[in-house]
Amino acid sequence: MTRKEKIKLLDKLDKGNNEFNFLKHYVFYCNNCNFRVEVTDRLDPYISCQVGNYYELEINKNRTKRNINGKLWSRPANSICLNCGNTLKKEKSALQIKCEECGSENIVFWKDLPNKKCPDCDGKFDVGILFNTRDELIEWDIDEWIEGIAKAKKKYGIKEENIIEKLTEEEKRNIEKERILIQYFMNQRYVLNNNYNIIKFDCHRSFHSPFIIIAEWLNEIDDGKIIFCLLYGDKNEKSYIAKNLENCKIKELLSILDKYKYFSKPNKINRWGLDGSRWTLEVQIGKLYKEIDVWTPNKGVIYDIGNLLINYSGAIINELY
């Protein structure tokens, strides 16, 4: 990907994210079992259903109740079957349609959910909670999850471990500073907005937090620096590392780029999969710029550069795939 292509793509993504963020979002709850229906209101509505007190599954994996309890499903839809909970599209002109899952004709548009009977119990849906932005919904959802986990632990007699650490004001400031730095370096426009020579390795893992490693330097004779950022890590994983990068190590990175003719060859590897991870390499040296990505590589320029940067950073990564 060229610099122009990257800027065009990011502009398009930002526009789409902003438009999506300002859509209206609704959450309907059953007043008895907390069968939850979340709707994104747009031209082609999107419905997500999550059954019952789903957070209890995090505490008691063996808890069961009816076949649909504990499940989550979502897709573009405008209606829901009040017999089995299936979501489906229904044309406004259609007088009646049958559910493709259970054959029931008890189907309603999402706006008609308030006070309708829950598919999972004898309860009824509430009038719905309206969120004017996606960010509002996410913030509320996190609070709900924390509260739900606490209730489930109390229900099953699990005592909270007292692991709260007493931090000094300086430690709190350092944690906040580190959080801001991680957001800054992990921004997709970081390289584009920078005048340094930069090699940025980005690893997005399916089941673990993404991380990035940046090597940057000003000229060919001086040392540079290396930065490691991890959004969420385990206890033995550091979230942020920044240290000096010796000139000899920069030359080693450049030799790998030369070996693979990074800027002159396509460097395309056709590897695809459902899980795994996506490795991205974004390089800016002088006026040269190029970005490539590969799904779970086992060889090639991204594989060699990525592993070398991990080694140089000294980061502990428990799950690399």
C-alpha atoms as a PDB file:
ATOM      1  CA  MET A   1       0.000   0.000   0.000  1.00  0.00           C
ATOM      2  CA  THR A   2       1.339   3.413  -0.948  1.00  0.00           C
ATOM      3  CA  ARG A   3       1.170   6.535   1.231  1.00  0.00           C
ATOM      4  CA  LYS A   4      -1.666   7.941  -0.898  1.00  0.00           C
ATOM      5  CA  GLU A   5      -3.612   4.674  -0.686  1.00  0.00           C
ATOM      6  CA  LYS A   6      -3.132   4.515   3.089  1.00  0.00           C
ATOM      7  CA  ILE A   7      -4.361   8.083   3.612  1.00  0.00           C
ATOM      8  CA  LYS A   8      -7.373   7.454   1.356  1.00  0.00           C
ATOM      9  CA  LEU A   9      -8.242   4.264   3.242  1.00  0.00           C
ATOM     10  CA  LEU A  10      -7.916   5.868   6.680  1.00  0.00           C
ATOM     11  CA  ASP A  11     -10.018   8.848   5.610  1.00  0.00           C
ATOM     12  CA  LYS A  12     -12.720   6.457   4.410  1.00  0.00           C
ATOM     13  CA  LEU A  13     -12.586   4.443   7.656  1.00  0.00           C
ATOM     14  CA  ASP A  14     -12.721   7.585   9.790  1.00  0.00           C
ATOM     15  CA  LYS A  15     -15.746   8.812   7.883  1.00  0.00           C
ATOM     16  CA  GLY A  16     -17.489   5.461   8.274  1.00  0.00           C
ATOM     17  CA  ASN A  17     -16.652   5.253  11.992  1.00  0.00           C
ATOM     18  CA  ASN A  18     -17.929   8.769  12.612  1.00  0.00           C
ATOM     19  CA  GLU A  19     -21.157   8.065  10.745  1.00  0.00           C
ATOM     20  CA  PHE A  20     -21.646   4.787  12.644  1.00  0.00           C
ATOM     21  CA  ASN A  21     -20.825   6.363  15.990  1.00  0.00           C
ATOM     22  CA  PHE A  22     -23.635   8.875  15.656  1.00  0.00           C
ATOM     23  CA  LEU A  23     -26.309   6.337  14.816  1.00  0.00           C
ATOM     24  CA  LYS A  24     -28.897   5.598  17.486  1.00  0.00           C
ATOM     25  CA  HIS A  25     -28.463   2.377  19.468  1.00  0.00           C
ATOM     26  CA  TYR A  26     -31.154   0.678  21.549  1.00  0.00           C
ATOM     27  CA  VAL A  27     -30.997  -2.032  24.207  1.00  0.00           C
ATOM     28  CA  PHE A  28     -34.145  -3.938  25.197  1.00  0.00           C
ATOM     29  CA  TYR A  29     -34.121  -6.180  28.299  1.00  0.00           C
ATOM     30  CA  CYS A  30     -36.543  -8.856  29.434  1.00  0.00           C
ATOM     31  CA  ASN A  31     -37.757  -7.784  32.896  1.00  0.00           C
ATOM     32  CA  ASN A  32     -37.407 -11.356  34.170  1.00  0.00           C
ATOM     33  CA  CYS A  33     -34.426 -13.171  32.642  1.00  0.00           C
ATOM     34  CA  ASN A  34     -32.480 -10.304  31.041  1.00  0.00           C
ATOM     35  CA  PHE A  35     -32.747 -11.657  27.514  1.00  0.00           C
ATOM     36  CA  ARG A  36     -31.014  -8.737  25.787  1.00  0.00           C
ATOM     37  CA  VAL A  37     -31.692  -7.328  22.325  1.00  0.00           C
ATOM     38  CA  GLU A  38     -29.360  -4.634  20.999  1.00  0.00           C
ATOM     39  CA  VAL A  39     -30.327  -2.740  17.842  1.00  0.00           C
ATOM     40  CA  THR A  40     -28.323  -0.359  15.688  1.00  0.00           C
ATOM     41  CA  ASP A  41     -30.903   1.845  13.963  1.00  0.00           C
ATOM     42  CA  ARG A  42     -29.872   2.458  10.374  1.00  0.00           C
ATOM     43  CA  LEU A  43     -31.249   1.946   6.871  1.00  0.00           C
ATOM     44  CA  ASP A  44     -30.369  -1.743   7.190  1.00  0.00           C
ATOM     45  CA  PRO A  45     -30.788  -2.346  10.966  1.00  0.00           C
ATOM     46  CA  TYR A  46     -28.438  -4.661  12.855  1.00  0.00           C
ATOM     47  CA  ILE A  47     -29.701  -6.777  15.756  1.00  0.00           C
ATOM     48  CA  SER A  48     -27.695  -8.635  18.415  1.00  0.00           C
ATOM     49  CA  CYS A  49     -29.312 -11.002  20.920  1.00  0.00           C
ATOM     50  CA  GLN A  50     -27.711 -12.233  24.112  1.00  0.00           C
ATOM     51  CA  VAL A  51     -29.673 -14.574  26.338  1.00  0.00           C
ATOM     52  CA  GLY A  52     -30.238 -14.408  30.062  1.00  0.00           C
ATOM     53  CA  ASN A  53     -27.722 -13.399  32.708  1.00  0.00           C
ATOM     54  CA  TYR A  54     -24.910 -14.207  30.287  1.00  0.00           C
ATOM     55  CA  TYR A  55     -22.182 -12.977  32.639  1.00  0.00           C
ATOM     56  CA  GLU A  56     -22.929 -15.967  34.888  1.00  0.00           C
ATOM     57  CA  LEU A  57     -21.359 -18.192  32.236  1.00  0.00           C
ATOM     58  CA  GLU A  58     -18.024 -16.563  33.066  1.00  0.00           C
ATOM     59  CA  ILE A  59     -18.410 -17.786  36.647  1.00  0.00           C
ATOM     60  CA  ASN A  60     -20.221 -21.101  36.223  1.00  0.00           C
ATOM     61  CA  LYS A  61     -19.491 -22.760  32.873  1.00  0.00           C
ATOM     62  CA  ASN A  62     -21.833 -25.677  33.670  1.00  0.00           C
ATOM     63  CA  ARG A  63     -24.944 -23.521  34.204  1.00  0.00           C
ATOM     64  CA  THR A  64     -27.636 -24.456  31.706  1.00  0.00           C
ATOM     65  CA  LYS A  65     -31.225 -23.385  31.096  1.00  0.00           C
ATOM     66  CA  ARG A  66     -33.097 -24.182  27.898  1.00  0.00           C
ATOM     67  CA  ASN A  67     -31.268 -24.664  24.633  1.00  0.00           C
ATOM     68  CA  ILE A  68     -30.861 -21.012  23.704  1.00  0.00           C
ATOM     69  CA  ASN A  69     -29.652 -19.782  27.095  1.00  0.00           C
ATOM     70  CA  GLY A  70     -26.130 -18.405  27.143  1.00  0.00           C
ATOM     71  CA  LYS A  71     -25.915 -17.944  23.382  1.00  0.00           C
ATOM     72  CA  LEU A  72     -25.112 -14.822  21.401  1.00  0.00           C
ATOM     73  CA  TRP A  73     -26.081 -14.155  17.789  1.00  0.00           C
ATOM     74  CA  SER A  74     -26.183 -11.092  15.574  1.00  0.00           C
ATOM     75  CA  ARG A  75     -26.789 -10.119  11.958  1.00  0.00           C
ATOM     76  CA  PRO A  76     -28.470  -7.476   9.776  1.00  0.00           C
ATOM     77  CA  ALA A  77     -32.160  -7.817  10.606  1.00  0.00           C
ATOM     78  CA  ASN A  78     -35.214  -5.722  11.407  1.00  0.00           C
ATOM     79  CA  SER A  79     -37.411  -8.269  13.199  1.00  0.00           C
ATOM     80  CA  ILE A  80     -37.257 -10.944  15.877  1.00  0.00           C
ATOM     81  CA  CYS A  81     -39.183 -14.185  16.384  1.00  0.00           C
ATOM     82  CA  LEU A  82     -40.827 -14.112  19.806  1.00  0.00           C
ATOM     83  CA  ASN A  83     -40.995 -17.906  19.885  1.00  0.00           C
ATOM     84  CA  CYS A  84     -37.310 -18.807  19.491  1.00  0.00           C
ATOM     85  CA  GLY A  85     -35.446 -15.479  19.419  1.00  0.00           C
ATOM     86  CA  ASN A  86     -34.280 -15.801  15.824  1.00  0.00           C
ATOM     87  CA  THR A  87     -33.616 -12.521  14.032  1.00  0.00           C
ATOM     88  CA  LEU A  88     -34.707 -12.013  10.427  1.00  0.00           C
ATOM     89  CA  LYS A  89     -35.619  -9.445   7.794  1.00  0.00           C
ATOM     90  CA  LYS A  90     -39.270  -8.734   7.192  1.00  0.00           C
ATOM     91  CA  GLU A  91     -40.583  -6.559   4.393  1.00  0.00           C
ATOM     92  CA  LYS A  92     -43.080  -3.977   5.602  1.00  0.00           C
ATOM     93  CA  SER A  93     -45.470  -5.021   2.851  1.00  0.00           C
ATOM     94  CA  ALA A  94     -45.490  -8.642   4.025  1.00  0.00           C
ATOM     95  CA  LEU A  95     -48.599  -9.413   6.057  1.00  0.00           C
ATOM     96  CA  GLN A  96     -47.118 -12.457   7.727  1.00  0.00           C
ATOM     97  CA  ILE A  97     -43.998 -14.597   7.395  1.00  0.00           C
ATOM     98  CA  LYS A  98     -42.773 -17.729   9.136  1.00  0.00           C
ATOM     99  CA  CYS A  99     -39.565 -17.982  11.141  1.00  0.00           C
ATOM    100  CA  GLU A 100     -36.939 -19.934   9.230  1.00  0.00           C
ATOM    101  CA  GLU A 101     -35.797 -21.605  12.466  1.00  0.00           C
ATOM    102  CA  CYS A 102     -38.984 -22.687  14.226  1.00  0.00           C
ATOM    103  CA  GLY A 103     -41.808 -21.969  11.754  1.00  0.00           C
ATOM    104  CA  SER A 104     -43.601 -19.574  14.110  1.00  0.00           C
ATOM    105  CA  GLU A 105     -45.470 -16.567  12.754  1.00  0.00           C
ATOM    106  CA  ASN A 106     -45.025 -14.632  16.003  1.00  0.00           C
ATOM    107  CA  ILE A 107     -42.598 -12.114  14.493  1.00  0.00           C
ATOM    108  CA  VAL A 108     -42.363  -8.386  15.293  1.00  0.00           C
ATOM    109  CA  PHE A 109     -40.332  -5.412  14.099  1.00  0.00           C
ATOM    110  CA  TRP A 110     -37.703  -4.340  16.600  1.00  0.00           C
ATOM    111  CA  LYS A 111     -39.485  -1.041  17.306  1.00  0.00           C
ATOM    112  CA  ASP A 112     -42.484  -3.059  18.520  1.00  0.00           C
ATOM    113  CA  LEU A 113     -40.508  -5.025  21.132  1.00  0.00           C
ATOM    114  CA  PRO A 114     -41.593  -3.028  24.240  1.00  0.00           C
ATOM    115  CA  ASN A 115     -43.998  -5.047  26.420  1.00  0.00           C
ATOM    116  CA  LYS A 116     -43.805  -8.072  24.079  1.00  0.00           C
ATOM    117  CA  LYS A 117     -43.297 -11.527  25.657  1.00  0.00           C
ATOM    118  CA  CYS A 118     -39.720 -12.753  25.946  1.00  0.00           C
ATOM    119  CA  PRO A 119     -38.837 -15.859  23.842  1.00  0.00           C
ATOM    120  CA  ASP A 120     -36.901 -17.349  26.772  1.00  0.00           C
ATOM    121  CA  CYS A 121     -39.296 -16.949  29.699  1.00  0.00           C
ATOM    122  CA  ASP A 122     -42.623 -15.447  30.818  1.00  0.00           C
ATOM    123  CA  GLY A 123     -41.183 -11.974  31.164  1.00  0.00           C
ATOM    124  CA  LYS A 124     -41.657  -8.962  28.894  1.00  0.00           C
ATOM    125  CA  PHE A 125     -39.271  -6.576  27.173  1.00  0.00           C
ATOM    126  CA  ASP A 126     -38.836  -3.100  28.603  1.00  0.00           C
ATOM    127  CA  VAL A 127     -39.273   0.100  26.616  1.00  0.00           C
ATOM    128  CA  GLY A 128     -35.579   0.102  25.689  1.00  0.00           C
ATOM    129  CA  ILE A 129     -32.588   2.238  26.558  1.00  0.00           C
ATOM    130  CA  LEU A 130     -31.504   4.729  23.903  1.00  0.00           C
ATOM    131  CA  PHE A 131     -27.828   5.579  23.333  1.00  0.00           C
ATOM    132  CA  ASN A 132     -27.107   8.473  20.996  1.00  0.00           C
ATOM    133  CA  THR A 133     -23.577   7.294  20.147  1.00  0.00           C
ATOM    134  CA  ARG A 134     -21.751   3.987  19.984  1.00  0.00           C
ATOM    135  CA  ASP A 135     -19.261   5.270  22.571  1.00  0.00           C
ATOM    136  CA  GLU A 136     -22.100   5.792  25.061  1.00  0.00           C
ATOM    137  CA  LEU A 137     -23.244   2.206  24.521  1.00  0.00           C
ATOM    138  CA  ILE A 138     -19.739   0.771  24.947  1.00  0.00           C
ATOM    139  CA  GLU A 139     -19.170   2.688  28.191  1.00  0.00           C
ATOM    140  CA  TRP A 140     -22.521   1.525  29.564  1.00  0.00           C
ATOM    141  CA  ASP A 141     -21.866  -2.056  28.441  1.00  0.00           C
ATOM    142  CA  ILE A 142     -18.557  -2.197  30.320  1.00  0.00           C
ATOM    143  CA  ASP A 143     -20.241  -0.984  33.514  1.00  0.00           C
ATOM    144  CA  GLU A 144     -22.995  -3.582  33.049  1.00  0.00           C
ATOM    145  CA  TRP A 145     -20.435  -6.332  32.612  1.00  0.00           C
ATOM    146  CA  ILE A 146     -18.516  -5.367  35.766  1.00  0.00           C
ATOM    147  CA  GLU A 147     -21.735  -5.203  37.785  1.00  0.00           C
ATOM    148  CA  GLY A 148     -22.963  -8.499  36.328  1.00  0.00           C
ATOM    149  CA  ILE A 149     -19.736 -10.338  37.149  1.00  0.00           C
ATOM    150  CA  ALA A 150     -19.892  -9.040  40.720  1.00  0.00           C
ATOM    151  CA  LYS A 151     -23.516 -10.274  41.088  1.00  0.00           C
ATOM    152  CA  ALA A 152     -22.639 -13.685  39.659  1.00  0.00           C
ATOM    153  CA  LYS A 153     -19.691 -14.089  42.043  1.00  0.00           C
ATOM    154  CA  LYS A 154     -21.942 -13.215  44.969  1.00  0.00           C
ATOM    155  CA  LYS A 155     -24.591 -15.693  43.777  1.00  0.00           C
ATOM    156  CA  TYR A 156     -22.095 -18.566  43.555  1.00  0.00           C
ATOM    157  CA  GLY A 157     -20.277 -17.666  46.754  1.00  0.00           C
ATOM    158  CA  ILE A 158     -17.035 -16.578  45.138  1.00  0.00           C
ATOM    159  CA  LYS A 159     -15.144 -14.111  47.276  1.00  0.00           C
ATOM    160  CA  GLU A 160     -13.287 -11.283  45.617  1.00  0.00           C
ATOM    161  CA  GLU A 161      -9.532 -11.405  45.999  1.00  0.00           C
ATOM    162  CA  ASN A 162      -8.108  -8.312  47.603  1.00  0.00           C
ATOM    163  CA  ILE A 163      -5.596  -7.386  44.929  1.00  0.00           C
ATOM    164  CA  ILE A 164      -6.059  -3.621  45.018  1.00  0.00           C
ATOM    165  CA  GLU A 165      -2.669  -1.987  45.115  1.00  0.00           C
ATOM    166  CA  LYS A 166      -2.103   1.287  46.865  1.00  0.00           C
ATOM    167  CA  LEU A 167      -0.453   3.553  44.324  1.00  0.00           C
ATOM    168  CA  THR A 168       1.338   6.793  44.985  1.00  0.00           C
ATOM    169  CA  GLU A 169       0.313   9.904  43.083  1.00  0.00           C
ATOM    170  CA  GLU A 170       3.490   9.623  41.025  1.00  0.00           C
ATOM    171  CA  GLU A 171       2.687   6.010  40.101  1.00  0.00           C
ATOM    172  CA  LYS A 172      -0.825   7.028  39.064  1.00  0.00           C
ATOM    173  CA  ARG A 173       0.581   9.814  36.878  1.00  0.00           C
ATOM    174  CA  ASN A 174       3.053   7.404  35.269  1.00  0.00           C
ATOM    175  CA  ILE A 175       0.267   4.898  34.496  1.00  0.00           C
ATOM    176  CA  GLU A 176      -1.860   7.627  32.919  1.00  0.00           C
ATOM    177  CA  LYS A 177       1.114   8.913  30.930  1.00  0.00           C
ATOM    178  CA  GLU A 178       1.834   5.387  29.705  1.00  0.00           C
ATOM    179  CA  ARG A 179      -1.787   4.929  28.640  1.00  0.00           C
ATOM    180  CA  ILE A 180      -1.690   8.159  26.613  1.00  0.00           C
ATOM    181  CA  LEU A 181       1.619   7.163  24.978  1.00  0.00           C
ATOM    182  CA  ILE A 182       0.227   3.762  23.973  1.00  0.00           C
ATOM    183  CA  GLN A 183      -2.753   5.430  22.285  1.00  0.00           C
ATOM    184  CA  TYR A 184      -0.424   7.882  20.558  1.00  0.00           C
ATOM    185  CA  PHE A 185       1.967   5.293  19.129  1.00  0.00           C
ATOM    186  CA  MET A 186      -0.766   2.816  18.160  1.00  0.00           C
ATOM    187  CA  ASN A 187      -2.606   5.418  16.098  1.00  0.00           C
ATOM    188  CA  GLN A 188      -2.886   4.308  12.462  1.00  0.00           C
ATOM    189  CA  ARG A 189      -1.622   7.708  11.297  1.00  0.00           C
ATOM    190  CA  TYR A 190       1.490   7.742  13.468  1.00  0.00           C
ATOM    191  CA  VAL A 191       3.915   6.947  10.646  1.00  0.00           C
ATOM    192  CA  LEU A 192       2.149   9.180   8.113  1.00  0.00           C
ATOM    193  CA  ASN A 193       2.353  12.170  10.459  1.00  0.00           C
ATOM    194  CA  ASN A 194       6.022  11.668  11.308  1.00  0.00           C
ATOM    195  CA  ASN A 195       9.232  12.904   9.662  1.00  0.00           C
ATOM    196  CA  TYR A 196      11.470  10.180  11.103  1.00  0.00           C
ATOM    197  CA  ASN A 197      12.630   7.030   9.360  1.00  0.00           C
ATOM    198  CA  ILE A 198      10.288   4.399  10.786  1.00  0.00           C
ATOM    199  CA  ILE A 199       9.714   0.661  10.721  1.00  0.00           C
ATOM    200  CA  LYS A 200       6.425  -0.184  12.386  1.00  0.00           C
ATOM    201  CA  PHE A 201       5.379  -3.764  13.073  1.00  0.00           C
ATOM    202  CA  ASP A 202       1.728  -4.318  13.976  1.00  0.00           C
ATOM    203  CA  CYS A 203       0.363  -7.679  15.173  1.00  0.00           C
ATOM    204  CA  HIS A 204      -3.416  -8.136  15.547  1.00  0.00           C
ATOM    205  CA  ARG A 205      -4.164 -11.474  17.238  1.00  0.00           C
ATOM    206  CA  SER A 206      -7.592 -13.124  17.140  1.00  0.00           C
ATOM    207  CA  PHE A 207      -7.725 -14.119  20.810  1.00  0.00           C
ATOM    208  CA  HIS A 208      -5.248 -11.765  22.466  1.00  0.00           C
ATOM    209  CA  SER A 209      -4.560  -8.067  22.632  1.00  0.00           C
ATOM    210  CA  PRO A 210      -2.870  -6.396  19.634  1.00  0.00           C
ATOM    211  CA  PHE A 211       0.612  -4.968  19.990  1.00  0.00           C
ATOM    212  CA  ILE A 212       2.942  -2.789  17.950  1.00  0.00           C
ATOM    213  CA  ILE A 213       6.699  -2.262  17.831  1.00  0.00           C
ATOM    214  CA  ILE A 214       8.208   0.873  16.318  1.00  0.00           C
ATOM    215  CA  ALA A 215      11.832   1.408  15.363  1.00  0.00           C
ATOM    216  CA  GLU A 216      12.608   4.996  14.419  1.00  0.00           C
ATOM    217  CA  TRP A 217      15.748   7.005  13.718  1.00  0.00           C
ATOM    218  CA  LEU A 218      16.717  10.389  12.295  1.00  0.00           C
ATOM    219  CA  ASN A 219      19.812   9.645  10.207  1.00  0.00           C
ATOM    220  CA  GLU A 220      22.057   6.770   9.156  1.00  0.00           C
ATOM    221  CA  ILE A 221      24.846   7.380  11.694  1.00  0.00           C
ATOM    222  CA  ASP A 222      23.053   7.937  15.000  1.00  0.00           C
ATOM    223  CA  ASP A 223      21.183   5.571  17.271  1.00  0.00           C
ATOM    224  CA  GLY A 224      17.411   5.556  17.246  1.00  0.00           C
ATOM    225  CA  LYS A 225      14.746   4.298  19.626  1.00  0.00           C
ATOM    226  CA  ILE A 226      12.405   1.346  19.847  1.00  0.00           C
ATOM    227  CA  ILE A 227       8.901   1.483  21.306  1.00  0.00           C
ATOM    228  CA  PHE A 228       6.691  -1.465  22.275  1.00  0.00           C
ATOM    229  CA  CYS A 229       2.969  -1.004  23.026  1.00  0.00           C
ATOM    230  CA  LEU A 230       0.470  -3.640  24.152  1.00  0.00           C
ATOM    231  CA  LEU A 231      -3.154  -2.704  24.825  1.00  0.00           C
ATOM    232  CA  TYR A 232      -3.896  -5.309  27.491  1.00  0.00           C
ATOM    233  CA  GLY A 233      -1.316  -7.718  28.845  1.00  0.00           C
ATOM    234  CA  ASP A 234      -1.003 -10.527  31.379  1.00  0.00           C
ATOM    235  CA  LYS A 235       0.709  -9.987  34.712  1.00  0.00           C
ATOM    236  CA  ASN A 236       4.200 -10.687  33.385  1.00  0.00           C
ATOM    237  CA  GLU A 237       3.708  -8.708  30.168  1.00  0.00           C
ATOM    238  CA  LYS A 238       4.705  -5.069  30.079  1.00  0.00           C
ATOM    239  CA  SER A 239       2.324  -2.778  28.238  1.00  0.00           C
ATOM    240  CA  TYR A 240       4.875  -0.139  27.298  1.00  0.00           C
ATOM    241  CA  ILE A 241       8.621  -0.213  26.625  1.00  0.00           C
ATOM    242  CA  ALA A 242      10.742   2.584  25.181  1.00  0.00           C
ATOM    243  CA  LYS A 243      14.504   2.413  24.935  1.00  0.00           C
ATOM    244  CA  ASN A 244      17.548   3.201  22.825  1.00  0.00           C
ATOM    245  CA  LEU A 245      18.095   1.292  19.569  1.00  0.00           C
ATOM    246  CA  GLU A 246      21.742   0.968  18.589  1.00  0.00           C
ATOM    247  CA  ASN A 247      22.760   1.979  15.078  1.00  0.00           C
ATOM    248  CA  CYS A 248      24.083  -1.532  14.365  1.00  0.00           C
ATOM    249  CA  LYS A 249      20.597  -2.945  15.024  1.00  0.00           C
ATOM    250  CA  ILE A 250      19.049  -0.388  12.685  1.00  0.00           C
ATOM    251  CA  LYS A 251      21.488  -1.502   9.983  1.00  0.00           C
ATOM    252  CA  GLU A 252      20.455  -5.127  10.601  1.00  0.00           C
ATOM    253  CA  LEU A 253      16.804  -4.201  10.054  1.00  0.00           C
ATOM    254  CA  LEU A 254      17.682  -2.320   6.867  1.00  0.00           C
ATOM    255  CA  SER A 255      19.688  -5.295   5.577  1.00  0.00           C
ATOM    256  CA  ILE A 256      16.578  -7.492   5.870  1.00  0.00           C
ATOM    257  CA  LEU A 257      14.535  -4.937   3.902  1.00  0.00           C
ATOM    258  CA  ASP A 258      17.263  -4.899   1.218  1.00  0.00           C
ATOM    259  CA  LYS A 259      17.398  -8.691   1.158  1.00  0.00           C
ATOM    260  CA  TYR A 260      13.704  -8.903   0.287  1.00  0.00           C
ATOM    261  CA  LYS A 261      13.818  -5.784  -1.951  1.00  0.00           C
ATOM    262  CA  TYR A 262      10.993  -4.393   0.167  1.00  0.00           C
ATOM    263  CA  PHE A 263      10.328  -1.227  -1.816  1.00  0.00           C
ATOM    264  CA  SER A 264      10.744  -2.705  -5.302  1.00  0.00           C
ATOM    265  CA  LYS A 265       9.002  -6.111  -5.079  1.00  0.00           C
ATOM    266  CA  PRO A 266       5.312  -6.810  -4.343  1.00  0.00           C
ATOM    267  CA  ASN A 267       6.160  -8.946  -1.263  1.00  0.00           C
ATOM    268  CA  LYS A 268       2.732 -10.560  -1.433  1.00  0.00           C
ATOM    269  CA  ILE A 269       2.100 -13.869   0.319  1.00  0.00           C
ATOM    270  CA  ASN A 270      -1.335 -15.388  -0.193  1.00  0.00           C
ATOM    271  CA  ARG A 271      -2.104 -16.823   3.244  1.00  0.00           C
ATOM    272  CA  TRP A 272      -5.622 -16.758   4.657  1.00  0.00           C
ATOM    273  CA  GLY A 273      -7.344 -18.151   7.705  1.00  0.00           C
ATOM    274  CA  LEU A 274     -10.170 -17.623  10.182  1.00  0.00           C
ATOM    275  CA  ASP A 275      -8.197 -17.244  13.394  1.00  0.00           C
ATOM    276  CA  GLY A 276      -4.478 -16.690  13.871  1.00  0.00           C
ATOM    277  CA  SER A 277      -3.122 -13.157  13.564  1.00  0.00           C
ATOM    278  CA  ARG A 278      -2.516 -10.472  10.962  1.00  0.00           C
ATOM    279  CA  TRP A 279       1.000  -9.046  10.796  1.00  0.00           C
ATOM    280  CA  THR A 280       1.452  -5.609   9.225  1.00  0.00           C
ATOM    281  CA  LEU A 281       4.696  -3.919   8.272  1.00  0.00           C
ATOM    282  CA  GLU A 282       4.694  -0.170   7.602  1.00  0.00           C
ATOM    283  CA  VAL A 283       8.011   1.343   6.531  1.00  0.00           C
ATOM    284  CA  GLN A 284       8.962   4.944   5.865  1.00  0.00           C
ATOM    285  CA  ILE A 285      12.558   5.749   4.922  1.00  0.00           C
ATOM    286  CA  GLY A 286      13.156   9.194   3.499  1.00  0.00           C
ATOM    287  CA  LYS A 287      10.559   9.685   0.766  1.00  0.00           C
ATOM    288  CA  LEU A 288       9.950   5.950   0.403  1.00  0.00           C
ATOM    289  CA  TYR A 289       6.820   4.481   1.965  1.00  0.00           C
ATOM    290  CA  LYS A 290       5.139   1.106   1.797  1.00  0.00           C
ATOM    291  CA  GLU A 291       2.790  -1.022   3.913  1.00  0.00           C
ATOM    292  CA  ILE A 292       2.101  -4.747   3.520  1.00  0.00           C
ATOM    293  CA  ASP A 293       0.288  -7.320   5.644  1.00  0.00           C
ATOM    294  CA  VAL A 294       0.172 -11.109   5.890  1.00  0.00           C
ATOM    295  CA  TRP A 295      -2.039 -13.495   7.833  1.00  0.00           C
ATOM    296  CA  THR A 296       0.007 -15.568  10.335  1.00  0.00           C
ATOM    297  CA  PRO A 297       3.306 -15.554   8.367  1.00  0.00           C
ATOM    298  CA  ASN A 298       5.937 -18.256   8.790  1.00  0.00           C
ATOM    299  CA  LYS A 299       8.559 -16.704   6.521  1.00  0.00           C
ATOM    300  CA  GLY A 300       9.322 -13.582   4.548  1.00  0.00           C
ATOM    301  CA  VAL A 301      10.132  -9.977   5.320  1.00  0.00           C
ATOM    302  CA  ILE A 302       7.334  -9.399   7.869  1.00  0.00           C
ATOM    303  CA  TYR A 303       8.210 -12.592   9.711  1.00  0.00           C
ATOM    304  CA  ASP A 304      11.918 -11.758   9.897  1.00  0.00           C
ATOM    305  CA  ILE A 305      11.471  -8.084  10.777  1.00  0.00           C
ATOM    306  CA  GLY A 306       8.696  -8.780  13.285  1.00  0.00           C
ATOM    307  CA  ASN A 307      10.632 -11.397  15.220  1.00  0.00           C
ATOM    308  CA  LEU A 308      13.789  -9.279  15.209  1.00  0.00           C
ATOM    309  CA  LEU A 309      11.881  -6.270  16.581  1.00  0.00           C
ATOM    310  CA  ILE A 310      10.364  -8.426  19.322  1.00  0.00           C
ATOM    311  CA  ASN A 311      13.880  -9.535  20.242  1.00  0.00           C
ATOM    312  CA  TYR A 312      15.257  -5.970  20.195  1.00  0.00           C
ATOM    313  CA  SER A 313      12.402  -4.609  22.316  1.00  0.00           C
ATOM    314  CA  GLY A 314      12.845  -7.221  25.043  1.00  0.00           C
ATOM    315  CA  ALA A 315       9.070  -7.566  25.297  1.00  0.00           C
ATOM    316  CA  ILE A 316       7.467 -10.659  26.804  1.00  0.00           C
ATOM    317  CA  ILE A 317       4.643 -11.934  24.600  1.00  0.00           C
ATOM    318  CA  ASN A 318       2.966 -15.016  26.016  1.00  0.00           C
ATOM    319  CA  GLU A 319       0.970 -15.853  22.894  1.00  0.00           C
ATOM    320  CA  LEU A 320       2.577 -15.105  19.529  1.00  0.00           C
ATOM    321  CA  TYR A 321       0.893 -16.674  16.520  1.00  0.00           C
END
